[in-house]
Protein backbone atom coordinates (compact mmCIF):
# COMPACT_ATOMS: atom_id res chain seq x y z
CA MET A 1 22.42 -71.74 -91.36
CA LEU A 2 20.43 -68.85 -89.94
CA ALA A 3 21.58 -66.58 -92.76
CA THR A 4 19.27 -68.42 -95.17
CA TRP A 5 16.40 -68.58 -92.68
CA PHE A 6 16.46 -65.09 -91.19
CA SER A 7 14.96 -62.43 -93.44
CA PRO A 8 15.60 -58.95 -92.06
CA ALA A 9 12.74 -57.28 -90.21
CA PRO A 10 12.30 -53.49 -90.28
CA GLY A 11 15.31 -51.89 -88.65
CA PHE A 12 17.54 -54.94 -89.17
CA SER A 13 20.35 -55.36 -91.63
CA ALA A 14 21.58 -58.57 -93.22
CA GLU A 15 24.80 -58.27 -91.23
CA GLN A 16 22.80 -58.18 -88.00
CA THR A 17 20.84 -61.32 -88.84
CA SER A 18 23.63 -63.76 -89.74
CA GLY A 19 24.89 -66.52 -87.50
CA VAL A 20 23.22 -68.80 -85.00
CA VAL A 21 20.83 -68.02 -82.16
CA GLY A 22 22.89 -67.64 -79.01
CA ILE A 23 21.22 -68.69 -75.76
CA LEU A 24 23.01 -66.99 -72.87
CA ILE A 25 21.98 -68.67 -69.61
CA SER A 26 22.53 -67.02 -66.23
CA ARG A 27 22.70 -70.22 -64.21
CA GLU A 28 22.12 -73.94 -64.64
CA ILE A 29 18.87 -74.16 -62.66
CA LEU A 30 15.76 -76.16 -63.51
CA PRO A 31 13.35 -73.33 -64.47
CA TYR A 32 15.93 -71.87 -66.88
CA LEU A 33 16.65 -75.26 -68.42
CA GLN A 34 12.92 -76.01 -68.81
CA MET A 35 12.54 -72.74 -70.70
CA VAL A 36 15.56 -73.47 -72.90
CA GLN A 37 14.21 -76.92 -73.70
CA GLY A 38 10.91 -75.43 -74.87
CA LEU A 39 12.85 -72.94 -76.99
CA GLU A 40 15.22 -75.44 -78.60
CA GLU A 41 12.43 -77.91 -79.39
CA ASN A 42 10.67 -75.25 -81.46
CA LEU A 43 13.60 -73.53 -83.17
CA GLU A 44 13.96 -73.90 -86.92
CA GLN A 45 17.59 -72.79 -86.96
CA SER A 46 20.93 -73.48 -85.37
CA SER A 47 21.46 -72.46 -81.75
CA ALA A 48 24.20 -72.60 -79.15
CA ARG A 49 24.03 -72.56 -75.37
CA ILE A 50 26.43 -70.31 -73.49
CA TYR A 51 26.45 -70.24 -69.70
CA LEU A 52 27.76 -67.69 -67.22
CA ASP A 53 29.92 -69.02 -64.40
CA LYS A 54 29.86 -67.68 -60.82
CA ALA A 55 32.24 -64.90 -61.81
CA GLY A 56 29.98 -63.87 -64.69
CA LYS A 57 32.33 -65.23 -67.36
CA PRO A 58 30.77 -67.04 -70.35
CA TYR A 59 31.62 -70.65 -71.15
CA SER A 60 30.36 -73.07 -73.79
CA GLN A 61 31.06 -76.50 -75.23
CA GLU A 62 32.07 -74.61 -78.37
CA SER A 63 35.18 -72.74 -77.23
CA ARG A 64 35.03 -70.31 -80.15
CA LEU A 65 31.70 -68.98 -78.89
CA GLN A 66 32.93 -68.18 -75.38
CA GLU A 67 34.15 -64.77 -76.52
CA LEU A 68 30.57 -63.87 -77.49
CA LYS A 69 31.35 -61.91 -80.63
CA PRO A 70 28.19 -60.25 -81.98
CA SER A 71 29.22 -61.25 -85.50
CA ASP A 72 28.79 -64.94 -84.51
CA PHE A 73 25.11 -64.57 -83.62
CA GLY A 74 22.01 -63.45 -85.44
CA VAL A 75 20.02 -63.08 -82.23
CA MET A 76 20.94 -63.44 -78.58
CA VAL A 77 18.41 -64.86 -76.11
CA ALA A 78 19.17 -63.73 -72.54
CA VAL A 79 17.91 -66.22 -69.96
CA GLY A 80 17.75 -64.68 -66.49
CA PRO A 81 18.85 -61.29 -65.11
CA GLN A 82 22.59 -61.98 -65.06
CA ALA A 83 22.57 -62.78 -68.78
CA LEU A 84 20.63 -59.65 -69.65
CA SER A 85 22.88 -57.54 -67.42
CA PHE A 86 25.93 -59.03 -69.18
CA LEU A 87 24.59 -57.91 -72.57
CA ARG A 88 23.59 -54.49 -71.24
CA ASP A 89 27.06 -53.84 -69.83
CA ARG A 90 28.46 -54.47 -73.30
CA HIS A 91 25.75 -52.51 -75.14
CA TRP A 92 25.15 -55.59 -77.28
CA PRO A 93 24.66 -54.34 -80.85
CA GLY A 94 22.55 -57.24 -82.11
CA THR A 95 18.95 -58.20 -81.52
CA VAL A 96 18.19 -59.45 -77.99
CA LEU A 97 15.24 -61.43 -76.67
CA TYR A 98 15.02 -61.64 -72.89
CA THR A 99 13.23 -64.16 -70.73
CA MET A 100 13.07 -65.32 -67.08
CA VAL A 101 13.60 -61.75 -65.84
CA LEU A 102 11.55 -59.62 -63.44
CA ASN A 103 11.22 -55.94 -64.38
CA PRO A 104 13.42 -56.29 -67.49
CA GLY A 105 13.27 -52.56 -68.27
CA ARG A 106 15.93 -51.87 -65.64
CA PHE A 107 18.42 -53.66 -67.90
CA PHE A 108 17.64 -51.88 -71.17
CA TRP A 109 20.26 -49.68 -72.82
CA GLU A 110 20.15 -46.89 -75.35
CA GLY A 111 19.78 -48.10 -78.90
CA ALA A 112 18.93 -51.67 -77.87
CA ARG A 113 16.76 -53.77 -80.17
CA ILE A 114 15.18 -55.79 -77.41
CA TYR A 115 11.98 -57.79 -76.93
CA GLY A 116 10.92 -60.63 -74.71
CA ILE A 117 8.77 -62.32 -72.09
CA SER A 118 9.17 -61.15 -68.51
CA LEU A 119 8.30 -62.99 -65.30
CA ASN A 120 5.98 -60.16 -64.26
CA LEU A 121 2.47 -61.49 -63.82
CA SER A 122 -0.16 -58.99 -64.91
CA PRO A 123 -1.92 -57.42 -61.88
CA TRP A 124 -5.09 -57.30 -63.98
CA LYS A 125 -4.98 -61.04 -64.76
CA GLN A 126 -4.24 -61.95 -61.15
CA LEU A 127 -7.09 -59.85 -59.76
CA LEU A 128 -9.51 -61.05 -62.42
CA THR A 129 -8.60 -64.66 -61.59
CA VAL A 130 -9.08 -64.14 -57.84
CA ALA A 131 -12.44 -62.46 -58.43
CA LYS A 132 -13.66 -65.30 -60.64
CA ILE A 133 -12.53 -68.14 -58.40
CA PHE A 134 -13.34 -66.64 -55.01
CA PRO A 135 -16.26 -64.24 -55.54
CA LYS A 136 -16.80 -63.70 -51.81
CA VAL A 137 -13.29 -62.33 -51.23
CA ALA A 138 -14.03 -58.63 -50.76
CA ARG A 139 -10.84 -57.30 -49.12
CA LEU A 140 -7.59 -58.49 -50.67
CA GLY A 141 -4.40 -57.59 -48.80
CA ILE A 142 -1.26 -56.96 -50.85
CA LEU A 143 1.93 -57.68 -48.89
CA PHE A 144 4.81 -55.48 -50.12
CA ASN A 145 7.60 -53.03 -49.34
CA PRO A 146 6.51 -49.60 -50.65
CA GLU A 147 10.11 -48.69 -51.48
CA LYS A 148 10.22 -51.58 -53.95
CA ASN A 149 6.67 -52.18 -55.14
CA LEU A 150 4.50 -49.13 -54.54
CA LYS A 151 4.25 -48.75 -58.34
CA TRP A 152 2.87 -52.31 -58.62
CA PHE A 153 0.22 -51.57 -56.01
CA GLN A 154 -0.76 -48.28 -57.65
CA GLN A 155 -1.05 -49.95 -61.05
CA ALA A 156 -3.15 -52.73 -59.54
CA LYS A 157 -5.53 -50.20 -58.01
CA THR A 158 -5.73 -48.36 -61.32
CA VAL A 159 -6.72 -51.42 -63.35
CA MET A 160 -8.93 -52.87 -60.62
CA THR A 161 -12.55 -52.41 -61.67
CA PHE A 162 -14.26 -54.88 -59.35
CA LYS A 163 -16.18 -52.70 -56.89
CA ARG A 164 -16.62 -55.62 -54.52
CA LEU A 165 -12.88 -56.37 -54.46
CA SER A 166 -10.99 -53.79 -52.43
CA LEU A 167 -7.19 -53.80 -52.34
CA VAL A 168 -5.68 -53.26 -48.90
CA PRO A 169 -1.97 -52.31 -48.68
CA LEU A 170 -0.03 -54.39 -46.13
CA LYS A 171 3.16 -52.34 -46.09
CA VAL A 172 6.42 -53.59 -44.57
CA ASN A 173 9.75 -51.79 -44.74
CA GLN A 174 11.77 -54.74 -43.44
CA ARG A 175 11.15 -58.38 -42.61
CA SER A 176 10.93 -57.68 -38.89
CA ASP A 177 7.75 -55.69 -39.64
CA ILE A 178 5.89 -58.74 -40.93
CA PRO A 179 5.10 -60.40 -37.55
CA LYS A 180 3.57 -57.11 -36.40
CA LEU A 181 0.83 -57.54 -38.99
CA PHE A 182 -0.43 -60.61 -37.15
CA ILE A 183 -0.65 -59.12 -33.67
CA HIS A 184 -4.28 -59.23 -32.50
CA PRO A 185 -6.61 -58.63 -34.26
CA GLY A 186 -4.42 -59.20 -37.35
CA PRO A 187 -4.92 -57.77 -40.84
CA GLN A 188 -8.56 -57.02 -41.61
CA VAL A 189 -8.65 -58.79 -44.95
CA ASP A 190 -10.25 -61.88 -46.48
CA ALA A 191 -7.08 -62.97 -48.28
CA ILE A 192 -3.44 -61.98 -48.81
CA LEU A 193 -1.75 -61.89 -52.21
CA PHE A 194 2.01 -62.35 -52.36
CA ILE A 195 3.85 -60.51 -55.12
CA PRO A 196 7.58 -60.86 -55.97
CA ASP A 197 9.00 -58.52 -53.30
CA GLN A 198 12.55 -59.02 -52.04
CA THR A 199 11.64 -57.88 -48.52
CA VAL A 200 8.83 -60.38 -48.18
CA ILE A 201 9.93 -63.34 -50.26
CA SER A 202 12.02 -65.85 -48.38
CA ARG A 203 11.08 -69.46 -47.69
CA SER A 204 10.91 -68.92 -43.93
CA MET A 205 8.82 -65.75 -44.26
CA ILE A 206 6.43 -67.30 -46.77
CA THR A 207 5.88 -70.25 -44.45
CA TYR A 208 5.35 -67.92 -41.48
CA VAL A 209 2.81 -65.70 -43.23
CA ILE A 210 0.81 -68.65 -44.57
CA LYS A 211 0.77 -70.35 -41.17
CA GLU A 212 -0.33 -67.18 -39.32
CA SER A 213 -2.92 -66.42 -41.98
CA LEU A 214 -4.42 -69.88 -41.69
CA ARG A 215 -4.60 -69.43 -37.90
CA LEU A 216 -6.66 -66.28 -38.46
CA GLY A 217 -8.81 -67.84 -41.17
CA ILE A 218 -7.24 -65.75 -43.94
CA ALA A 219 -6.53 -67.29 -47.35
CA THR A 220 -3.18 -66.72 -49.05
CA PHE A 221 -2.41 -66.59 -52.77
CA GLY A 222 1.13 -67.12 -54.12
CA PHE A 223 2.99 -67.38 -57.40
CA ASN A 224 4.79 -70.73 -57.56
CA ARG A 225 4.45 -74.29 -56.38
CA PHE A 226 6.29 -73.64 -53.09
CA PHE A 227 3.34 -71.50 -51.97
CA TYR A 228 0.98 -74.38 -52.74
CA GLU A 229 3.15 -76.82 -50.82
CA SER A 230 3.25 -74.39 -47.88
CA GLY A 231 -0.54 -74.16 -47.66
CA ALA A 232 -1.54 -71.27 -49.96
CA ALA A 233 -5.10 -71.69 -51.24
CA LEU A 234 -4.19 -70.48 -54.73
CA SER A 235 -0.91 -70.34 -56.62
CA PHE A 236 -0.15 -68.87 -60.01
CA ILE A 237 2.17 -71.38 -61.71
CA ILE A 238 4.30 -69.97 -64.51
CA ASP A 239 4.83 -72.41 -67.39
CA TYR A 240 8.55 -72.16 -68.17
CA HIS A 241 8.47 -74.67 -71.02
CA THR A 242 5.74 -72.69 -72.77
CA ILE A 243 7.75 -69.49 -72.32
CA GLY A 244 10.48 -71.17 -74.39
CA GLN A 245 7.95 -72.12 -77.07
CA ASN A 246 6.70 -68.52 -77.19
CA ILE A 247 10.23 -67.15 -77.48
CA ALA A 248 10.71 -69.44 -80.49
CA ARG A 249 7.54 -67.97 -82.03
CA MET A 250 8.86 -64.45 -81.42
CA LEU A 251 12.06 -65.37 -83.24
CA GLN A 252 10.00 -66.72 -86.13
CA SER A 253 7.99 -63.50 -86.27
CA LEU A 254 11.14 -61.39 -86.40
CA ALA A 255 12.56 -63.65 -89.08
CA ASN A 256 9.49 -63.09 -91.23
CA GLY A 257 9.62 -59.33 -90.78
CA GLY A 258 6.64 -59.33 -88.45
CA ARG A 259 5.93 -57.61 -85.15
CA CYS A 260 7.40 -58.77 -81.89
CA ASP A 261 5.60 -57.46 -78.79
CA SER A 262 6.97 -57.99 -75.29
CA THR A 263 4.57 -59.82 -72.98
CA GLY A 264 4.15 -61.38 -69.56
CA PRO A 265 4.46 -65.13 -68.88
CA PRO A 266 1.86 -67.82 -69.53
CA PHE A 267 0.55 -69.37 -66.31
CA SER A 268 -1.96 -71.80 -64.84
CA VAL A 269 -3.77 -71.64 -61.51
CA LEU A 270 -3.27 -74.32 -58.87
CA LEU A 271 -5.79 -74.61 -56.03
CA ASN A 272 -4.93 -76.32 -52.75
CA GLN A 273 -8.04 -78.39 -52.07
CA LYS A 274 -7.12 -78.96 -48.42
CA ALA A 275 -6.59 -75.25 -47.72
CA VAL A 276 -9.74 -74.22 -49.60
CA LYS A 277 -11.82 -76.65 -47.55
CA ALA A 278 -10.22 -75.69 -44.23
CA LEU A 279 -10.90 -72.00 -44.86
CA GLY A 280 -14.46 -72.61 -46.09
CA LEU A 281 -13.84 -70.69 -49.30
CA THR A 282 -16.75 -70.51 -51.73
CA MET A 283 -16.11 -71.19 -55.41
CA PRO A 284 -18.43 -71.23 -58.43
CA GLN A 285 -19.49 -74.57 -59.86
CA GLN A 286 -17.81 -73.73 -63.17
CA LEU A 287 -14.18 -72.71 -62.67
CA PRO A 288 -12.24 -70.72 -65.29
CA GLU A 289 -10.26 -72.64 -67.87
CA GLY A 290 -6.74 -73.59 -66.77
CA VAL A 291 -7.56 -74.02 -63.07
CA ILE A 292 -6.17 -77.17 -61.46
CA ILE A 293 -7.29 -78.54 -58.09
CA GLU A 294 -4.95 -80.81 -56.13
């Protein structure tokens, strides 16, 4: 039982650390399940999966857990935004670890004891990676809606210290604005970086932007395997299974009374050899660790 395993960390009482680890899952989709598998394989205590149905109602193989009583759980792991929103709406009194969520701070509530791993890739790490792999990329276009992601762009410019890498805002207020960017002569950039932006990110729009960019000799950089498959020269691939392993380590740290700092996701870099060659992109002989070429 978790009661014998979980020693209270600062700010936690014994009552708040009894019970099993609840894993509240927004939807049964592959990335979430890969994360949960990594978590469960590395847990040292009992756990229980609870899912949310389409109406946002919890269900589980253990019927007694469907009511989600805080007294039944030592810690609740929220997998995905719907799960975290569910706990926020109820001002969940116990400890919460979140994962598989973009911009998790929008779901926090007063008095919450909450930690986790977001899906937000660090602008610094992305820019550093681009600079190391493609040293001749001097003007990097960032495609985004300023109403949704101006803060991201401003933060990226703040942390950007590479004088030879200039960030160029490619602002769109709606999807119908995107084709206008490619009217002759097109965006005056060496490459375009996609970020998670609801205005920009749809399968059809991703495919369109990559195709038009290739026509103009502009490289594109994305953030999952779909970008690679659509012709992006570089894709940041988040490792969902490793996120689960890291969440398990965070639980262990809390159990031992240690610190638990929220972080971004672990990722690898996937290069599209065909696109790199077609665009004539120059790379160093020694690539950074974790870079895969396919």
